[in-house]
Protein backbone atom coordinates (compact mmCIF):
# COMPACT_ATOMS: atom_id res chain seq x y z
CA MET A 1 -57.98 -25.05 31.46
CA TYR A 2 -59.35 -24.75 27.88
CA GLY A 3 -62.13 -27.20 28.81
CA VAL A 4 -63.34 -24.97 31.70
CA SER A 5 -62.53 -21.39 30.80
CA PRO A 6 -63.11 -20.28 27.20
CA TRP A 7 -60.99 -17.83 25.29
CA LEU A 8 -63.33 -15.04 24.14
CA GLU A 9 -61.35 -14.72 20.89
CA GLY A 10 -60.45 -18.36 20.40
CA ARG A 11 -61.98 -21.38 18.74
CA LYS A 12 -59.77 -24.03 20.44
CA SER A 13 -61.40 -23.92 23.84
CA ILE A 14 -64.81 -24.82 25.18
CA PRO A 15 -67.58 -22.71 23.52
CA LEU A 16 -68.70 -19.80 25.57
CA ALA A 17 -72.25 -21.15 25.95
CA GLU A 18 -70.97 -24.52 27.20
CA ALA A 19 -68.54 -23.22 29.79
CA PRO A 20 -69.49 -24.50 33.27
CA ALA A 21 -70.65 -22.20 35.98
CA LEU A 22 -68.19 -22.17 38.87
CA GLY A 23 -68.58 -21.23 42.56
CA THR A 24 -71.33 -21.72 45.06
CA GLU A 25 -72.11 -18.25 46.38
CA ARG A 26 -72.55 -16.57 43.00
CA PRO A 27 -71.96 -19.14 40.28
CA GLY A 28 -70.46 -17.64 37.09
CA ARG A 29 -68.27 -18.39 34.16
CA ILE A 30 -64.60 -17.52 34.01
CA ILE A 31 -63.70 -16.16 30.57
CA LYS A 32 -60.22 -15.29 29.36
CA THR A 33 -59.26 -12.78 26.64
CA HIS A 34 -56.39 -10.77 25.17
CA PHE A 35 -58.86 -8.16 23.89
CA PRO A 36 -57.98 -4.48 24.44
CA ALA A 37 -60.60 -2.58 26.36
CA PRO A 38 -62.37 -1.03 23.36
CA LEU A 39 -63.01 -4.50 21.87
CA CYS A 40 -64.03 -6.26 25.09
CA PRO A 41 -67.81 -6.42 25.70
CA ASP A 42 -68.81 -4.19 28.59
CA ALA A 43 -71.37 -5.66 30.95
CA GLU A 44 -72.28 -4.08 34.28
CA THR A 45 -72.90 -7.56 35.80
CA ALA A 46 -69.51 -8.83 34.82
CA ARG A 47 -66.24 -8.44 36.79
CA TYR A 48 -63.07 -7.72 34.87
CA ILE A 49 -59.63 -8.56 36.19
CA TYR A 50 -56.78 -7.11 34.12
CA VAL A 51 -53.13 -8.10 34.65
CA ALA A 52 -50.43 -5.81 33.38
CA ARG A 53 -46.83 -7.00 33.10
CA HIS A 54 -43.47 -5.39 32.17
CA PRO A 55 -43.47 -4.92 28.33
CA ALA A 56 -40.16 -6.71 27.76
CA SER A 57 -41.36 -9.60 29.95
CA CYS A 58 -44.51 -9.72 27.79
CA PHE A 59 -42.30 -9.80 24.73
CA ALA A 60 -40.28 -12.72 26.14
CA SER A 61 -43.46 -14.58 27.04
CA CYS A 62 -44.81 -14.06 23.51
CA VAL A 63 -41.59 -15.53 22.01
CA ASP A 64 -41.93 -18.56 24.33
CA PHE A 65 -45.60 -18.98 23.59
CA VAL A 66 -45.08 -19.03 19.75
CA ALA A 67 -42.06 -21.40 20.27
CA THR A 68 -44.20 -23.86 22.11
CA ASN A 69 -46.81 -23.83 19.41
CA VAL A 70 -44.87 -23.94 16.16
CA GLY A 71 -41.46 -25.23 17.28
CA GLY A 72 -38.78 -24.80 14.55
CA LEU A 73 -41.20 -22.76 12.42
CA ALA A 74 -41.04 -19.84 14.82
CA PRO A 75 -39.69 -16.60 13.23
CA GLY A 76 -36.45 -15.00 14.30
CA ILE A 77 -36.18 -12.48 17.08
CA ASP A 78 -36.05 -9.50 14.63
CA ALA A 79 -39.44 -10.52 13.24
CA PHE A 80 -40.82 -10.87 16.79
CA GLU A 81 -39.60 -7.40 17.62
CA GLU A 82 -41.18 -5.88 14.50
CA TRP A 83 -44.49 -7.63 15.31
CA PHE A 84 -44.52 -6.60 19.04
CA CYS A 85 -43.82 -2.93 18.24
CA SER A 86 -46.26 -2.64 15.38
CA GLN A 87 -49.69 -0.99 15.36
CA GLU A 88 -50.64 -3.00 12.26
CA LEU A 89 -49.19 -6.47 13.11
CA MET A 90 -49.78 -6.92 16.77
CA TRP A 91 -52.85 -9.08 17.16
CA TRP A 92 -54.69 -7.36 20.03
CA GLY A 93 -53.08 -3.93 19.97
CA THR A 94 -49.78 -2.72 21.31
CA TRP A 95 -48.58 -2.92 24.88
CA PRO A 96 -48.93 0.92 25.47
CA ASP A 97 -52.42 0.94 23.96
CA HIS A 98 -53.49 -2.14 25.89
CA VAL A 99 -52.42 -1.13 29.30
CA THR A 100 -53.63 2.47 28.85
CA GLY A 101 -57.03 1.36 27.65
CA TRP A 102 -57.63 -0.95 30.56
CA TRP A 103 -56.09 1.57 33.01
CA ASP A 104 -58.53 4.22 31.84
CA ARG A 105 -61.46 1.82 32.01
CA ALA A 106 -60.47 0.82 35.57
CA GLN A 107 -60.63 4.45 36.60
CA ARG A 108 -64.15 4.86 35.26
CA ARG A 109 -65.68 1.53 36.27
CA GLU A 110 -65.95 -0.11 39.67
CA ASN A 111 -66.14 -3.56 38.02
CA VAL A 112 -62.57 -3.47 36.67
CA LEU A 113 -59.68 -4.57 38.89
CA PHE A 114 -56.25 -3.51 37.50
CA LEU A 115 -53.36 -5.73 38.80
CA TYR A 116 -49.68 -6.07 38.13
CA PHE A 117 -48.10 -9.46 37.56
CA GLU A 118 -45.04 -8.38 39.47
CA ASP A 119 -47.19 -7.57 42.58
CA MET A 120 -48.88 -10.94 42.29
CA LYS A 121 -45.60 -12.65 42.36
CA ARG A 122 -44.30 -10.51 45.24
CA ASP A 123 -47.29 -11.20 47.50
CA LEU A 124 -49.76 -13.68 46.05
CA PRO A 125 -51.82 -14.12 49.28
CA ALA A 126 -52.47 -10.35 49.32
CA THR A 127 -53.64 -10.57 45.73
CA VAL A 128 -55.87 -13.51 46.54
CA ARG A 129 -57.58 -11.49 49.23
CA GLN A 130 -57.80 -8.46 46.92
CA VAL A 131 -59.52 -10.51 44.20
CA ALA A 132 -61.86 -12.17 46.67
CA ALA A 133 -62.96 -8.81 47.96
CA PHE A 134 -63.43 -7.47 44.44
CA LEU A 135 -65.62 -10.49 43.58
CA GLY A 136 -67.70 -9.94 46.70
CA LEU A 137 -66.85 -13.29 48.17
CA ALA A 138 -67.05 -14.23 51.85
CA LEU A 139 -63.93 -13.38 53.89
CA LEU A 140 -61.34 -16.14 53.31
CA SER A 141 -59.60 -17.81 56.25
CA ASP A 142 -55.81 -17.94 56.31
CA ALA A 143 -55.97 -21.63 55.44
CA GLU A 144 -58.16 -20.96 52.39
CA VAL A 145 -55.85 -18.17 51.22
CA ALA A 146 -52.91 -20.53 51.54
CA THR A 147 -54.67 -23.21 49.53
CA VAL A 148 -55.63 -20.83 46.76
CA SER A 149 -52.14 -19.28 46.68
CA LYS A 150 -50.58 -22.75 46.42
CA LYS A 151 -52.81 -23.76 43.49
CA CYS A 152 -52.14 -20.40 41.76
CA GLY A 153 -48.44 -20.81 42.05
CA PHE A 154 -46.16 -21.76 39.12
CA GLU A 155 -44.73 -24.77 40.97
CA TYR A 156 -48.22 -26.22 41.20
CA MET A 157 -48.91 -25.45 37.58
CA GLN A 158 -45.68 -27.10 36.49
CA ARG A 159 -46.54 -30.25 38.42
CA HIS A 160 -50.08 -30.32 36.94
CA GLN A 161 -49.51 -29.08 33.44
CA ASP A 162 -52.34 -31.10 31.98
CA MET A 163 -54.81 -28.95 34.07
CA PHE A 164 -53.37 -25.64 32.80
CA GLU A 165 -53.17 -26.34 29.04
CA MET A 166 -54.48 -23.27 27.20
CA HIS A 167 -55.55 -25.22 24.06
CA PRO A 168 -55.69 -28.85 22.95
CA PRO A 169 -52.33 -30.47 22.16
CA HIS A 170 -51.35 -30.54 18.48
CA LEU A 171 -48.51 -31.93 16.31
CA LEU A 172 -46.33 -28.82 16.29
CA GLN A 173 -46.55 -28.23 20.01
CA ALA A 174 -43.25 -28.20 21.95
CA ASN A 175 -42.66 -28.78 25.68
CA ALA A 176 -44.94 -26.43 27.63
CA GLU A 177 -42.40 -26.19 30.46
CA LEU A 178 -40.73 -23.51 28.35
CA PHE A 179 -43.82 -21.38 28.68
CA ILE A 180 -44.83 -21.93 32.32
CA ARG A 181 -42.04 -20.01 34.08
CA GLY A 182 -43.67 -17.13 35.86
CA SER A 183 -40.51 -15.04 36.51
CA THR A 184 -40.74 -11.32 37.27
CA ASP A 185 -37.37 -10.89 35.61
CA ARG A 186 -38.15 -12.25 32.15
CA HIS A 187 -37.40 -8.78 30.75
CA LEU A 188 -33.80 -9.29 31.70
CA ASP A 189 -33.69 -12.40 29.48
CA VAL A 190 -34.25 -10.23 26.42
CA ALA A 191 -31.08 -9.18 24.64
CA GLU A 192 -30.03 -5.71 25.89
CA GLU A 193 -30.29 -4.04 22.48
CA VAL A 194 -33.73 -5.53 21.80
CA ARG A 195 -34.91 -4.67 25.28
CA GLY A 196 -33.61 -1.10 24.91
CA ARG A 197 -35.52 -0.61 21.63
CA ILE A 198 -38.75 -2.02 23.04
CA LEU A 199 -38.56 0.15 26.19
CA SER A 200 -37.71 3.27 24.11
CA TRP A 201 -40.67 2.58 21.81
CA CYS A 202 -42.98 2.13 24.82
CA ARG A 203 -41.59 5.25 26.41
CA THR A 204 -42.39 7.29 23.35
CA SER A 205 -45.80 5.71 22.84
CA LEU A 206 -46.88 6.39 26.49
CA ALA A 207 -45.77 10.05 26.51
CA GLY A 208 -48.64 12.22 27.68
CA ARG A 209 -50.95 9.30 28.39
CA SER A 210 -52.70 8.38 31.67
CA PHE A 211 -51.01 5.10 32.55
CA PRO A 212 -48.61 5.75 35.48
CA VAL A 213 -45.63 4.06 33.91
CA ALA A 214 -43.12 6.01 36.02
CA VAL A 215 -44.58 4.40 39.11
CA ALA A 216 -45.41 0.96 37.72
CA TYR A 217 -42.34 0.42 35.52
CA PRO A 218 -39.71 3.09 36.18
CA ASP A 219 -37.20 1.62 33.73
CA VAL A 220 -39.79 2.08 30.92
CA ALA A 221 -40.35 5.71 31.87
CA SER A 222 -36.65 6.59 32.16
CA PRO A 223 -33.58 4.70 30.93
CA GLY A 224 -31.48 3.01 33.57
CA GLU A 225 -33.89 3.28 36.46
CA GLY A 226 -34.70 0.48 38.89
CA ASN A 227 -37.05 -2.52 38.78
CA ALA A 228 -40.82 -2.40 38.54
CA GLY A 229 -42.80 -0.76 41.34
CA SER A 230 -46.55 -0.79 41.70
CA ALA A 231 -49.34 1.63 40.97
CA ASP A 232 -52.73 1.07 42.57
CA LYS A 233 -55.83 1.21 40.49
CA ARG A 234 -57.09 4.24 42.24
């Protein structure tokens, strides 16, 4: 993947200018980024697809990602928690700032599609159709949707890991199977006390802000509530 779709903030993928144009109807480049909305270049001709995920699931995914890249040199869980909940240490901004920034931008701009990872896992074909419509593509047949959904699924990714590497292999890299999991319940893998502190911090940080956390992630909004719901962009 790093040879086709560049990371906007990275140096270990194909250079932006060399990224191939994809598609036949309206060829364009696919660019990935972790940038928060204020740092991401804003172009009217571009289409932005933002995917939000439960904060504790994001935390678990971050831990896995670092573990696959530095192996035994990865810090302990306490250091990860401090990093994840820090305005100063978190690379691309905190989870509350990130989701709120992109949520606000999606309300103002028609070229931003705000999605939820949990909804994608729950009904991937519906998400495929939603993205196709957002990109202005021709109506997809059921067979085309099924093919795209299959190749976007985690089972396919796990069978073709060489196609989905995010950066070139290196000496410290561990088994990528640890990272490619795609579970909607990763937040339940986080130790209860750590998860509780992360959710409490997010709850406080989101107070009075526009992101509809009570609809999207009820357990973040109030302790002890149910699993994630969904909140449409508009």
